[in-house]
Amino acid sequence: MEDTPKARTSAEHGYVLDEQIGFLLRKAYQRNSNIFAESVPGKLTPTQFSVMHRLAEDGPTSQNLLGRSVAMDGATTKGVVDRLIARGLLKTEADPVDRRRHLVSLTADGVALIDAAVDAAIAVSAETLSPLREREKETLLRLLKKLGGE
């Protein structure tokens, strides 16, 4: 058997995985994602929901602006938009002001789905935060916004 060196432990280097922000955020996000998947209709991912919700709020917009408004890079935005177009939930059309640019918007099916999905998403947020007291919820959301650069 080969002599494999033994990795240092938390007791030696002080890094405790279960106390790290990234690990804890990932666990919280996994919990939220599972609740979301079980609750939100239309098999929407949280990313797809964000895109559709932004379009419902802001109306037709360029793909570039849409991606920036939901904190996604261009390639990710294109993939999400393309998948939602393929499902008949979004459409694109030439911008009447600038024919070189295309605007992304919801279809009638997209409007119906996002309207139903928003009600479910409200319940998802409430269930995700349910272990916390009201003041803890407010503090957590405020701190997450701060970490996100707001």
N, C-alpha and C. Protein backbone atom coordinates (compact mmCIF):
# COMPACT_ATOMS: atom_id res chain seq x y z
N MET A 1 0.84 -1.17 0.00
CA MET A 1 0.00 0.00 0.00
C MET A 1 0.89 1.24 0.00
N GLU A 2 0.52 2.20 -0.82
CA GLU A 2 1.29 3.43 -0.96
C GLU A 2 1.09 4.33 0.26
N ASP A 3 2.14 5.01 0.65
CA ASP A 3 2.05 5.94 1.79
C ASP A 3 1.49 7.28 1.31
N THR A 4 0.22 7.50 1.57
CA THR A 4 -0.44 8.75 1.22
C THR A 4 -0.34 9.69 2.40
N PRO A 5 0.11 10.91 2.16
CA PRO A 5 0.21 11.85 3.29
C PRO A 5 -1.19 12.14 3.84
N LYS A 6 -1.24 12.40 5.12
CA LYS A 6 -2.50 12.70 5.79
C LYS A 6 -2.76 14.20 5.70
N ALA A 7 -3.97 14.55 5.26
CA ALA A 7 -4.33 15.96 5.17
C ALA A 7 -4.47 16.55 6.56
N ARG A 8 -4.19 17.84 6.66
CA ARG A 8 -4.38 18.52 7.94
C ARG A 8 -5.86 18.57 8.28
N THR A 9 -6.18 18.57 9.53
CA THR A 9 -7.56 18.61 9.99
C THR A 9 -7.93 20.01 10.45
N SER A 10 -9.22 20.20 10.72
CA SER A 10 -9.71 21.49 11.23
C SER A 10 -8.97 21.89 12.50
N ALA A 11 -8.66 20.91 13.34
CA ALA A 11 -7.95 21.21 14.58
C ALA A 11 -6.57 21.79 14.30
N GLU A 12 -5.99 21.45 13.14
CA GLU A 12 -4.65 21.93 12.80
C GLU A 12 -4.67 23.26 12.04
N HIS A 13 -5.62 23.44 11.12
CA HIS A 13 -5.61 24.66 10.31
C HIS A 13 -6.73 25.65 10.68
N GLY A 14 -7.71 25.22 11.45
CA GLY A 14 -8.74 26.12 11.93
C GLY A 14 -9.92 26.33 10.98
N TYR A 15 -9.90 25.72 9.83
CA TYR A 15 -10.99 25.88 8.87
C TYR A 15 -12.04 24.80 9.15
N VAL A 16 -13.22 25.24 9.63
CA VAL A 16 -14.30 24.30 9.94
C VAL A 16 -15.36 24.47 8.86
N LEU A 17 -15.48 23.48 8.00
CA LEU A 17 -16.38 23.56 6.85
C LEU A 17 -17.79 23.96 7.26
N ASP A 18 -18.31 23.36 8.32
CA ASP A 18 -19.69 23.60 8.74
C ASP A 18 -19.93 25.01 9.26
N GLU A 19 -18.88 25.82 9.34
CA GLU A 19 -19.03 27.21 9.81
C GLU A 19 -18.70 28.23 8.72
N GLN A 20 -18.52 27.78 7.48
CA GLN A 20 -18.10 28.67 6.39
C GLN A 20 -19.31 29.20 5.62
N ILE A 21 -19.24 30.48 5.26
CA ILE A 21 -20.34 31.16 4.60
C ILE A 21 -20.77 30.45 3.32
N GLY A 22 -19.83 30.06 2.49
CA GLY A 22 -20.18 29.40 1.22
C GLY A 22 -20.90 28.09 1.44
N PHE A 23 -20.42 27.31 2.37
CA PHE A 23 -21.05 26.03 2.68
C PHE A 23 -22.45 26.24 3.23
N LEU A 24 -22.60 27.18 4.14
CA LEU A 24 -23.91 27.45 4.74
C LEU A 24 -24.89 28.03 3.72
N LEU A 25 -24.40 28.93 2.85
CA LEU A 25 -25.26 29.47 1.80
C LEU A 25 -25.71 28.37 0.85
N ARG A 26 -24.80 27.47 0.50
CA ARG A 26 -25.15 26.37 -0.40
C ARG A 26 -26.22 25.48 0.21
N LYS A 27 -26.08 25.17 1.50
CA LYS A 27 -27.09 24.34 2.18
C LYS A 27 -28.45 25.04 2.21
N ALA A 28 -28.43 26.34 2.52
CA ALA A 28 -29.68 27.10 2.55
C ALA A 28 -30.30 27.17 1.16
N TYR A 29 -29.45 27.37 0.14
CA TYR A 29 -29.94 27.44 -1.23
C TYR A 29 -30.51 26.09 -1.67
N GLN A 30 -29.87 25.00 -1.28
CA GLN A 30 -30.39 23.67 -1.63
C GLN A 30 -31.77 23.48 -1.01
N ARG A 31 -31.94 23.88 0.22
CA ARG A 31 -33.24 23.77 0.88
C ARG A 31 -34.29 24.58 0.13
N ASN A 32 -33.95 25.84 -0.18
CA ASN A 32 -34.87 26.70 -0.92
C ASN A 32 -35.18 26.11 -2.30
N SER A 33 -34.17 25.59 -2.98
CA SER A 33 -34.37 25.01 -4.32
C SER A 33 -35.29 23.80 -4.28
N ASN A 34 -35.15 22.97 -3.25
CA ASN A 34 -36.03 21.81 -3.12
C ASN A 34 -37.47 22.24 -2.88
N ILE A 35 -37.67 23.20 -2.01
CA ILE A 35 -39.01 23.71 -1.75
C ILE A 35 -39.58 24.33 -3.03
N PHE A 36 -38.75 25.10 -3.74
CA PHE A 36 -39.15 25.74 -4.99
C PHE A 36 -39.60 24.69 -6.01
N ALA A 37 -38.78 23.66 -6.20
CA ALA A 37 -39.09 22.62 -7.19
C ALA A 37 -40.39 21.89 -6.87
N GLU A 38 -40.67 21.70 -5.60
CA GLU A 38 -41.89 21.01 -5.19
C GLU A 38 -43.13 21.89 -5.30
N SER A 39 -42.95 23.20 -5.27
CA SER A 39 -44.08 24.11 -5.12
C SER A 39 -44.45 24.91 -6.36
N VAL A 40 -43.46 25.32 -7.14
CA VAL A 40 -43.71 26.24 -8.25
C VAL A 40 -44.14 25.45 -9.49
N PRO A 41 -45.25 25.86 -10.10
CA PRO A 41 -45.75 25.12 -11.26
C PRO A 41 -44.88 25.34 -12.50
N GLY A 42 -45.06 24.48 -13.48
CA GLY A 42 -44.42 24.64 -14.77
C GLY A 42 -42.99 24.18 -14.86
N LYS A 43 -42.51 23.48 -13.84
CA LYS A 43 -41.12 22.99 -13.83
C LYS A 43 -40.12 24.11 -14.11
N LEU A 44 -40.41 25.30 -13.58
CA LEU A 44 -39.48 26.42 -13.73
C LEU A 44 -38.34 26.27 -12.75
N THR A 45 -37.14 26.61 -13.20
CA THR A 45 -36.02 26.71 -12.29
C THR A 45 -36.08 28.10 -11.64
N PRO A 46 -35.38 28.28 -10.52
CA PRO A 46 -35.35 29.62 -9.93
C PRO A 46 -34.82 30.68 -10.91
N THR A 47 -33.87 30.32 -11.74
CA THR A 47 -33.32 31.26 -12.72
C THR A 47 -34.37 31.61 -13.77
N GLN A 48 -35.08 30.62 -14.28
CA GLN A 48 -36.13 30.87 -15.26
C GLN A 48 -37.24 31.72 -14.65
N PHE A 49 -37.59 31.41 -13.42
CA PHE A 49 -38.60 32.20 -12.72
C PHE A 49 -38.16 33.67 -12.64
N SER A 50 -36.90 33.90 -12.27
CA SER A 50 -36.39 35.27 -12.14
C SER A 50 -36.51 36.04 -13.45
N VAL A 51 -36.15 35.40 -14.55
CA VAL A 51 -36.25 36.04 -15.87
C VAL A 51 -37.70 36.38 -16.18
N MET A 52 -38.59 35.43 -15.98
CA MET A 52 -40.00 35.66 -16.30
C MET A 52 -40.61 36.72 -15.37
N HIS A 53 -40.24 36.68 -14.11
CA HIS A 53 -40.76 37.67 -13.18
C HIS A 53 -40.29 39.08 -13.56
N ARG A 54 -39.03 39.21 -13.93
CA ARG A 54 -38.51 40.51 -14.32
C ARG A 54 -39.25 41.03 -15.56
N LEU A 55 -39.51 40.15 -16.52
CA LEU A 55 -40.26 40.56 -17.72
C LEU A 55 -41.69 40.94 -17.37
N ALA A 56 -42.30 40.24 -16.43
CA ALA A 56 -43.65 40.59 -15.99
C ALA A 56 -43.67 41.96 -15.34
N GLU A 57 -42.63 42.27 -14.60
CA GLU A 57 -42.55 43.56 -13.91
C GLU A 57 -42.19 44.70 -14.85
N ASP A 58 -41.20 44.48 -15.71
CA ASP A 58 -40.62 45.56 -16.50
C ASP A 58 -41.10 45.61 -17.94
N GLY A 59 -41.74 44.56 -18.42
CA GLY A 59 -42.15 44.52 -19.82
C GLY A 59 -41.01 44.10 -20.72
N PRO A 60 -41.24 44.17 -22.04
CA PRO A 60 -40.22 43.74 -22.99
C PRO A 60 -38.91 44.48 -22.78
N THR A 61 -37.83 43.75 -22.89
CA THR A 61 -36.50 44.34 -22.69
C THR A 61 -35.48 43.57 -23.51
N SER A 62 -34.33 44.18 -23.72
CA SER A 62 -33.28 43.50 -24.46
C SER A 62 -32.74 42.35 -23.61
N GLN A 63 -32.21 41.36 -24.28
CA GLN A 63 -31.66 40.19 -23.58
C GLN A 63 -30.49 40.62 -22.68
N ASN A 64 -29.70 41.56 -23.15
CA ASN A 64 -28.56 42.04 -22.38
C ASN A 64 -29.03 42.69 -21.08
N LEU A 65 -29.96 43.61 -21.16
CA LEU A 65 -30.48 44.29 -19.98
C LEU A 65 -31.20 43.32 -19.05
N LEU A 66 -31.93 42.38 -19.64
CA LEU A 66 -32.63 41.36 -18.85
C LEU A 66 -31.64 40.56 -18.01
N GLY A 67 -30.58 40.10 -18.63
CA GLY A 67 -29.57 39.33 -17.92
C GLY A 67 -28.95 40.12 -16.78
N ARG A 68 -28.58 41.36 -17.05
CA ARG A 68 -27.98 42.18 -16.00
C ARG A 68 -28.96 42.41 -14.85
N SER A 69 -30.25 42.55 -15.17
CA SER A 69 -31.24 42.84 -14.13
C SER A 69 -31.49 41.67 -13.19
N VAL A 70 -31.10 40.46 -13.61
CA VAL A 70 -31.25 39.29 -12.74
C VAL A 70 -29.89 38.67 -12.41
N ALA A 71 -28.83 39.46 -12.57
CA ALA A 71 -27.47 39.07 -12.19
C ALA A 71 -26.97 37.81 -12.88
N MET A 72 -27.16 37.76 -14.21
CA MET A 72 -26.66 36.63 -15.00
C MET A 72 -25.75 37.14 -16.11
N ASP A 73 -24.76 36.34 -16.47
CA ASP A 73 -23.89 36.68 -17.58
C ASP A 73 -24.64 36.43 -18.90
N GLY A 74 -24.07 36.94 -19.98
CA GLY A 74 -24.73 36.87 -21.28
C GLY A 74 -25.01 35.45 -21.75
N ALA A 75 -24.04 34.56 -21.58
CA ALA A 75 -24.23 33.18 -22.05
C ALA A 75 -25.34 32.47 -21.29
N THR A 76 -25.38 32.67 -19.98
CA THR A 76 -26.43 32.05 -19.17
C THR A 76 -27.79 32.61 -19.56
N THR A 77 -27.87 33.92 -19.72
CA THR A 77 -29.13 34.55 -20.10
C THR A 77 -29.62 33.99 -21.43
N LYS A 78 -28.73 33.90 -22.40
CA LYS A 78 -29.12 33.37 -23.71
C LYS A 78 -29.68 31.96 -23.59
N GLY A 79 -29.02 31.12 -22.81
CA GLY A 79 -29.50 29.75 -22.64
C GLY A 79 -30.87 29.69 -21.98
N VAL A 80 -31.06 30.50 -20.95
CA VAL A 80 -32.35 30.53 -20.25
C VAL A 80 -33.44 31.04 -21.19
N VAL A 81 -33.17 32.12 -21.88
CA VAL A 81 -34.15 32.69 -22.81
C VAL A 81 -34.48 31.69 -23.92
N ASP A 82 -33.47 31.07 -24.50
CA ASP A 82 -33.70 30.09 -25.57
C ASP A 82 -34.58 28.93 -25.09
N ARG A 83 -34.33 28.43 -23.88
CA ARG A 83 -35.14 27.32 -23.36
C ARG A 83 -36.59 27.76 -23.12
N LEU A 84 -36.78 28.98 -22.63
CA LEU A 84 -38.14 29.46 -22.38
C LEU A 84 -38.86 29.77 -23.69
N ILE A 85 -38.14 30.20 -24.71
CA ILE A 85 -38.74 30.39 -26.03
C ILE A 85 -39.18 29.03 -26.58
N ALA A 86 -38.32 28.03 -26.44
CA ALA A 86 -38.65 26.68 -26.94
C ALA A 86 -39.89 26.12 -26.26
N ARG A 87 -40.13 26.53 -25.02
CA ARG A 87 -41.31 26.08 -24.29
C ARG A 87 -42.55 26.93 -24.58
N GLY A 88 -42.38 27.97 -25.39
CA GLY A 88 -43.50 28.84 -25.74
C GLY A 88 -43.86 29.84 -24.67
N LEU A 89 -42.93 30.11 -23.74
CA LEU A 89 -43.20 31.02 -22.63
C LEU A 89 -42.68 32.44 -22.88
N LEU A 90 -41.68 32.56 -23.77
CA LEU A 90 -41.13 33.85 -24.14
C LEU A 90 -41.10 33.95 -25.65
N LYS A 91 -41.00 35.19 -26.13
CA LYS A 91 -40.83 35.45 -27.56
C LYS A 91 -39.88 36.62 -27.72
N THR A 92 -39.33 36.76 -28.91
CA THR A 92 -38.50 37.92 -29.22
C THR A 92 -39.07 38.59 -30.46
N GLU A 93 -38.88 39.91 -30.52
CA GLU A 93 -39.25 40.66 -31.71
C GLU A 93 -38.33 41.86 -31.83
N ALA A 94 -38.24 42.37 -33.03
CA ALA A 94 -37.36 43.52 -33.27
C ALA A 94 -37.83 44.71 -32.45
N ASP A 95 -36.86 45.42 -31.90
CA ASP A 95 -37.15 46.66 -31.15
C ASP A 95 -37.61 47.71 -32.17
N PRO A 96 -38.80 48.31 -31.96
CA PRO A 96 -39.28 49.30 -32.93
C PRO A 96 -38.41 50.55 -32.99
N VAL A 97 -37.64 50.82 -31.94
CA VAL A 97 -36.78 52.00 -31.90
C VAL A 97 -35.42 51.71 -32.53
N ASP A 98 -34.90 50.50 -32.30
CA ASP A 98 -33.58 50.11 -32.81
C ASP A 98 -33.69 48.73 -33.42
N ARG A 99 -33.85 48.66 -34.74
CA ARG A 99 -34.10 47.39 -35.45
C ARG A 99 -32.95 46.39 -35.31
N ARG A 100 -31.78 46.84 -34.86
CA ARG A 100 -30.65 45.92 -34.67
C ARG A 100 -30.81 45.11 -33.40
N ARG A 101 -31.65 45.58 -32.51
CA ARG A 101 -31.82 44.95 -31.20
C ARG A 101 -33.16 44.20 -31.16
N HIS A 102 -33.18 43.11 -30.40
CA HIS A 102 -34.41 42.35 -30.20
C HIS A 102 -34.86 42.48 -28.75
N LEU A 103 -36.16 42.53 -28.57
CA LEU A 103 -36.74 42.60 -27.24
C LEU A 103 -37.31 41.24 -26.87
N VAL A 104 -37.12 40.86 -25.63
CA VAL A 104 -37.65 39.61 -25.09
C VAL A 104 -38.91 39.97 -24.31
N SER A 105 -39.95 39.16 -24.48
CA SER A 105 -41.18 39.40 -23.73
C SER A 105 -41.88 38.07 -23.44
N LEU A 106 -42.85 38.13 -22.54
CA LEU A 106 -43.65 36.95 -22.21
C LEU A 106 -44.69 36.71 -23.30
N THR A 107 -45.00 35.44 -23.55
CA THR A 107 -46.14 35.08 -24.39
C THR A 107 -47.36 35.01 -23.48
N ALA A 108 -48.52 34.76 -24.06
CA ALA A 108 -49.73 34.60 -23.25
C ALA A 108 -49.57 33.42 -22.28
N ASP A 109 -48.98 32.33 -22.75
CA ASP A 109 -48.73 31.18 -21.86
C ASP A 109 -47.75 31.56 -20.76
N GLY A 110 -46.75 32.38 -21.10
CA GLY A 110 -45.79 32.83 -20.11
C GLY A 110 -46.43 33.69 -19.04
N VAL A 111 -47.34 34.57 -19.45
CA VAL A 111 -48.06 35.41 -18.49
C VAL A 111 -48.87 34.54 -17.54
N ALA A 112 -49.60 33.57 -18.08
CA ALA A 112 -50.41 32.69 -17.24
C ALA A 112 -49.54 31.92 -16.24
N LEU A 113 -48.40 31.41 -16.71
CA LEU A 113 -47.54 30.63 -15.84
C LEU A 113 -46.90 31.50 -14.75
N ILE A 114 -46.39 32.67 -15.11
CA ILE A 114 -45.73 33.48 -14.10
C ILE A 114 -46.74 33.98 -13.07
N ASP A 115 -47.96 34.25 -13.48
CA ASP A 115 -48.98 34.67 -12.51
C ASP A 115 -49.23 33.57 -11.47
N ALA A 116 -49.31 32.33 -11.92
CA ALA A 116 -49.50 31.21 -10.98
C ALA A 116 -48.22 30.96 -10.18
N ALA A 117 -47.08 31.09 -10.82
CA ALA A 117 -45.81 30.80 -10.16
C ALA A 117 -45.50 31.81 -9.06
N VAL A 118 -45.90 33.06 -9.23
CA VAL A 118 -45.62 34.08 -8.22
C VAL A 118 -46.31 33.72 -6.91
N ASP A 119 -47.56 33.28 -6.99
CA ASP A 119 -48.26 32.89 -5.76
C ASP A 119 -47.51 31.76 -5.05
N ALA A 120 -47.03 30.79 -5.82
CA ALA A 120 -46.28 29.69 -5.23
C ALA A 120 -44.94 30.19 -4.67
N ALA A 121 -44.29 31.10 -5.37
CA ALA A 121 -42.99 31.61 -4.93
C ALA A 121 -43.10 32.37 -3.61
N ILE A 122 -44.20 33.05 -3.41
CA ILE A 122 -44.43 33.74 -2.14
C ILE A 122 -44.44 32.71 -1.00
N ALA A 123 -45.12 31.60 -1.23
CA ALA A 123 -45.17 30.53 -0.23
C ALA A 123 -43.80 29.88 -0.04
N VAL A 124 -43.02 29.76 -1.11
CA VAL A 124 -41.68 29.19 -1.03
C VAL A 124 -40.80 30.05 -0.12
N SER A 125 -40.85 31.36 -0.32
CA SER A 125 -40.05 32.25 0.52
C SER A 125 -40.46 32.14 1.98
N ALA A 126 -41.75 32.09 2.22
CA ALA A 126 -42.24 31.98 3.60
C ALA A 126 -41.79 30.67 4.23
N GLU A 127 -41.87 29.57 3.48
CA GLU A 127 -41.46 28.27 4.02
C GLU A 127 -39.95 28.21 4.24
N THR A 128 -39.18 28.78 3.31
CA THR A 128 -37.73 28.78 3.45
C THR A 128 -37.32 29.52 4.72
N LEU A 129 -37.97 30.63 5.00
CA LEU A 129 -37.62 31.46 6.16
C LEU A 129 -38.35 31.05 7.44
N SER A 130 -39.19 30.06 7.37
CA SER A 130 -40.03 29.69 8.52
C SER A 130 -39.27 29.33 9.81
N PRO A 131 -38.05 28.80 9.75
CA PRO A 131 -37.35 28.52 11.01
C PRO A 131 -36.93 29.79 11.78
N LEU A 132 -37.00 30.94 11.13
CA LEU A 132 -36.52 32.18 11.73
C LEU A 132 -37.66 33.00 12.33
N ARG A 133 -37.32 33.75 13.38
CA ARG A 133 -38.26 34.73 13.92
C ARG A 133 -38.31 35.92 12.97
N GLU A 134 -39.33 36.74 13.08
CA GLU A 134 -39.53 37.86 12.16
C GLU A 134 -38.31 38.77 12.06
N ARG A 135 -37.76 39.11 13.18
CA ARG A 135 -36.60 40.00 13.20
C ARG A 135 -35.38 39.33 12.56
N GLU A 136 -35.23 38.03 12.77
CA GLU A 136 -34.13 37.29 12.15
C GLU A 136 -34.28 37.28 10.62
N LYS A 137 -35.51 37.12 10.14
CA LYS A 137 -35.77 37.16 8.70
C LYS A 137 -35.32 38.49 8.12
N GLU A 138 -35.73 39.57 8.77
CA GLU A 138 -35.38 40.91 8.29
C GLU A 138 -33.86 41.10 8.28
N THR A 139 -33.22 40.64 9.34
CA THR A 139 -31.76 40.78 9.44
C THR A 139 -31.07 39.96 8.36
N LEU A 140 -31.49 38.71 8.18
CA LEU A 140 -30.88 37.86 7.17
C LEU A 140 -31.01 38.49 5.78
N LEU A 141 -32.20 38.91 5.42
CA LEU A 141 -32.40 39.50 4.10
C LEU A 141 -31.58 40.78 3.91
N ARG A 142 -31.51 41.59 4.94
CA ARG A 142 -30.72 42.82 4.87
C ARG A 142 -29.24 42.49 4.67
N LEU A 143 -28.74 41.51 5.42
CA LEU A 143 -27.33 41.15 5.31
C LEU A 143 -27.01 40.49 3.96
N LEU A 144 -27.91 39.67 3.45
CA LEU A 144 -27.68 39.05 2.14
C LEU A 144 -27.65 40.11 1.04
N LYS A 145 -28.51 41.11 1.13
CA LYS A 145 -28.47 42.21 0.16
C LYS A 145 -27.13 42.92 0.24
N LYS A 146 -26.64 43.13 1.44
CA LYS A 146 -25.36 43.81 1.63
C LYS A 146 -24.22 42.97 1.03
N LEU A 147 -24.25 41.67 1.28
CA LEU A 147 -23.22 40.80 0.70
C LEU A 147 -23.29 40.79 -0.82
N GLY A 148 -24.50 40.95 -1.36
CA GLY A 148 -24.69 40.95 -2.81
C GLY A 148 -24.36 42.28 -3.47
N GLY A 149 -23.95 43.26 -2.69
CA GLY A 149 -23.52 44.51 -3.25
C GLY A 149 -24.57 45.60 -3.30
N GLU A 150 -25.69 45.39 -2.67
CA GLU A 150 -26.73 46.42 -2.68
C GLU A 150 -26.51 47.41 -1.56
